[in-house]
Each structure stands twice: as C-alpha cells, then as structure tokens.
Amino acid sequence: MSHSQPDNNTLVIECDGCEHKYTFYGDEGDPVREPAKCISRAHQVGWTSKKPVGYAWENYCAECSKLPFDMRVPKSMRDDL
C-alpha cells in the first residue's frame, strides 16, 4: 500500500499512477493512526484502490481512477522509472 506516516500527526497516501498525494493531519481531526479510515475518506473524493492477485494494494488519485483498471500501471512497474 502506498501510504506513509512522516510523523505521528500526518498520514500521506500516494497515487501509484502519478505524483499526486493526499495528506491527512491529525490536528485537523483526521484519523491518521487508522490508515484504512483515511483511505476510505480518499475514496469519498474519487480515489480508488485495487489489489492485484499476488501484489500489494495500489491506490489511484481521482484523475488516474478515470482510467480502466487494466490501464493503471503502478509507477514501480513502469520502464520509465
């Protein structure tokens, strides 16, 4: 899953298709200690997630989510990286 917690008060979800990030802040009331709740909130604004068999969860921003599932290639699997 593409999320990180740079400090105790911040959770960042990264899009696996591009460079977009969705940042949550505990001091603004976000549930940063519960990544699943933050991901659920991201889904409410258009982000999507998928779990290919045998691979880790992938998260996609609202723009990348417009692509069909079979067109979403994670950054880690692209030749241009």
C-alpha atoms as a PDB file:
ATOM      1  CA  MET A   1       0.000   0.000   0.000  1.00  0.00           C
ATOM      2  CA  SER A   2       1.281   3.433  -0.868  1.00  0.00           C
ATOM      3  CA  HIS A   3       0.988   5.344   2.339  1.00  0.00           C
ATOM      4  CA  SER A   4       3.489   6.728   4.793  1.00  0.00           C
ATOM      5  CA  GLN A   5       3.434   8.434   8.143  1.00  0.00           C
ATOM      6  CA  PRO A   6       6.233  11.034   8.201  1.00  0.00           C
ATOM      7  CA  ASP A   7       5.328  11.934  11.800  1.00  0.00           C
ATOM      8  CA  ASN A   8       2.734  10.996  14.422  1.00  0.00           C
ATOM      9  CA  ASN A   9       0.341  13.691  13.225  1.00  0.00           C
ATOM     10  CA  THR A  10       0.462  13.148   9.449  1.00  0.00           C
ATOM     11  CA  LEU A  11      -0.521  10.370   7.034  1.00  0.00           C
ATOM     12  CA  VAL A  12       0.205  10.594   3.303  1.00  0.00           C
ATOM     13  CA  ILE A  13      -1.431   8.423   0.644  1.00  0.00           C
ATOM     14  CA  GLU A  14       0.464   8.419  -2.653  1.00  0.00           C
ATOM     15  CA  CYS A  15      -1.066   7.719  -6.041  1.00  0.00           C
ATOM     16  CA  ASP A  16       0.527   4.702  -7.705  1.00  0.00           C
ATOM     17  CA  GLY A  17      -0.190   6.123 -11.156  1.00  0.00           C
ATOM     18  CA  CYS A  18       1.236   9.648 -10.860  1.00  0.00           C
ATOM     19  CA  GLU A  19       2.786  12.039  -8.349  1.00  0.00           C
ATOM     20  CA  HIS A  20      -0.435  13.115  -6.555  1.00  0.00           C
ATOM     21  CA  LYS A  21      -0.553  12.798  -2.786  1.00  0.00           C
ATOM     22  CA  TYR A  22      -3.406  13.064  -0.333  1.00  0.00           C
ATOM     23  CA  THR A  23      -2.228  14.272   3.080  1.00  0.00           C
ATOM     24  CA  PHE A  24      -4.164  13.855   6.321  1.00  0.00           C
ATOM     25  CA  TYR A  25      -3.403  15.804   9.500  1.00  0.00           C
ATOM     26  CA  GLY A  26      -4.305  14.622  12.996  1.00  0.00           C
ATOM     27  CA  ASP A  27      -4.530  18.186  14.317  1.00  0.00           C
ATOM     28  CA  GLU A  28      -7.303  18.796  11.746  1.00  0.00           C
ATOM     29  CA  GLY A  29      -9.278  15.822  13.061  1.00  0.00           C
ATOM     30  CA  ASP A  30      -8.155  13.235  10.519  1.00  0.00           C
ATOM     31  CA  PRO A  31      -7.757   9.629  11.795  1.00  0.00           C
ATOM     32  CA  VAL A  32      -4.029   9.430  10.991  1.00  0.00           C
ATOM     33  CA  ARG A  33      -3.491   6.441  13.285  1.00  0.00           C
ATOM     34  CA  GLU A  34      -6.011   4.438  11.245  1.00  0.00           C
ATOM     35  CA  PRO A  35      -4.856   4.297   7.595  1.00  0.00           C
ATOM     36  CA  ALA A  36      -7.962   2.371   6.493  1.00  0.00           C
ATOM     37  CA  LYS A  37     -10.188   5.267   7.603  1.00  0.00           C
ATOM     38  CA  CYS A  38      -8.021   7.768   5.725  1.00  0.00           C
ATOM     39  CA  ILE A  39      -8.156   5.605   2.600  1.00  0.00           C
ATOM     40  CA  SER A  40     -11.938   5.423   2.979  1.00  0.00           C
ATOM     41  CA  ARG A  41     -12.047   9.236   3.090  1.00  0.00           C
ATOM     42  CA  ALA A  42      -9.889   9.377  -0.034  1.00  0.00           C
ATOM     43  CA  HIS A  43     -12.385   7.081  -1.776  1.00  0.00           C
ATOM     44  CA  GLN A  44     -15.131   9.585  -0.966  1.00  0.00           C
ATOM     45  CA  VAL A  45     -13.363  12.196  -3.116  1.00  0.00           C
ATOM     46  CA  GLY A  46     -12.676   9.912  -6.064  1.00  0.00           C
ATOM     47  CA  TRP A  47      -9.578   7.906  -5.162  1.00  0.00           C
ATOM     48  CA  THR A  48      -9.715   4.157  -5.821  1.00  0.00           C
ATOM     49  CA  SER A  49      -7.762   1.126  -4.654  1.00  0.00           C
ATOM     50  CA  LYS A  50      -7.163  -2.261  -6.199  1.00  0.00           C
ATOM     51  CA  LYS A  51      -5.398  -5.428  -5.078  1.00  0.00           C
ATOM     52  CA  PRO A  52      -3.939  -7.439  -7.971  1.00  0.00           C
ATOM     53  CA  VAL A  53      -3.522 -11.103  -7.053  1.00  0.00           C
ATOM     54  CA  GLY A  54      -0.023 -11.628  -5.684  1.00  0.00           C
ATOM     55  CA  TYR A  55       0.760  -7.898  -5.354  1.00  0.00           C
ATOM     56  CA  ALA A  56       0.342  -5.166  -2.739  1.00  0.00           C
ATOM     57  CA  TRP A  57      -2.611  -2.785  -2.665  1.00  0.00           C
ATOM     58  CA  GLU A  58      -2.461   0.056  -5.183  1.00  0.00           C
ATOM     59  CA  ASN A  59      -4.055   3.485  -4.688  1.00  0.00           C
ATOM     60  CA  TYR A  60      -5.031   5.855  -7.502  1.00  0.00           C
ATOM     61  CA  CYS A  61      -5.985   9.536  -7.358  1.00  0.00           C
ATOM     62  CA  ALA A  62      -9.254  10.783  -8.866  1.00  0.00           C
ATOM     63  CA  GLU A  63      -7.572  11.547 -12.218  1.00  0.00           C
ATOM     64  CA  CYS A  64      -5.842   8.167 -12.546  1.00  0.00           C
ATOM     65  CA  SER A  65      -9.036   6.473 -11.355  1.00  0.00           C
ATOM     66  CA  LYS A  66     -10.696   7.572 -14.598  1.00  0.00           C
ATOM     67  CA  LEU A  67      -8.512   5.065 -16.458  1.00  0.00           C
ATOM     68  CA  PRO A  68      -9.813   1.493 -16.858  1.00  0.00           C
ATOM     69  CA  PHE A  69      -8.316  -0.909 -14.280  1.00  0.00           C
ATOM     70  CA  ASP A  70      -6.227  -2.702 -16.912  1.00  0.00           C
ATOM     71  CA  MET A  71      -4.642   0.630 -17.957  1.00  0.00           C
ATOM     72  CA  ARG A  72      -3.459   1.555 -14.444  1.00  0.00           C
ATOM     73  CA  VAL A  73       0.206   0.655 -14.310  1.00  0.00           C
ATOM     74  CA  PRO A  74       1.917   1.265 -10.960  1.00  0.00           C
ATOM     75  CA  LYS A  75       4.948   3.569 -11.033  1.00  0.00           C
ATOM     76  CA  SER A  76       7.079   0.717  -9.695  1.00  0.00           C
ATOM     77  CA  MET A  77       6.342  -1.409 -12.784  1.00  0.00           C
ATOM     78  CA  ARG A  78       6.945   1.220 -15.486  1.00  0.00           C
ATOM     79  CA  ASP A  79      10.054   1.185 -17.646  1.00  0.00           C
ATOM     80  CA  ASP A  80      10.498   4.971 -17.435  1.00  0.00           C
ATOM     81  CA  LEU A  81      11.443   4.949 -13.739  1.00  0.00           C
END
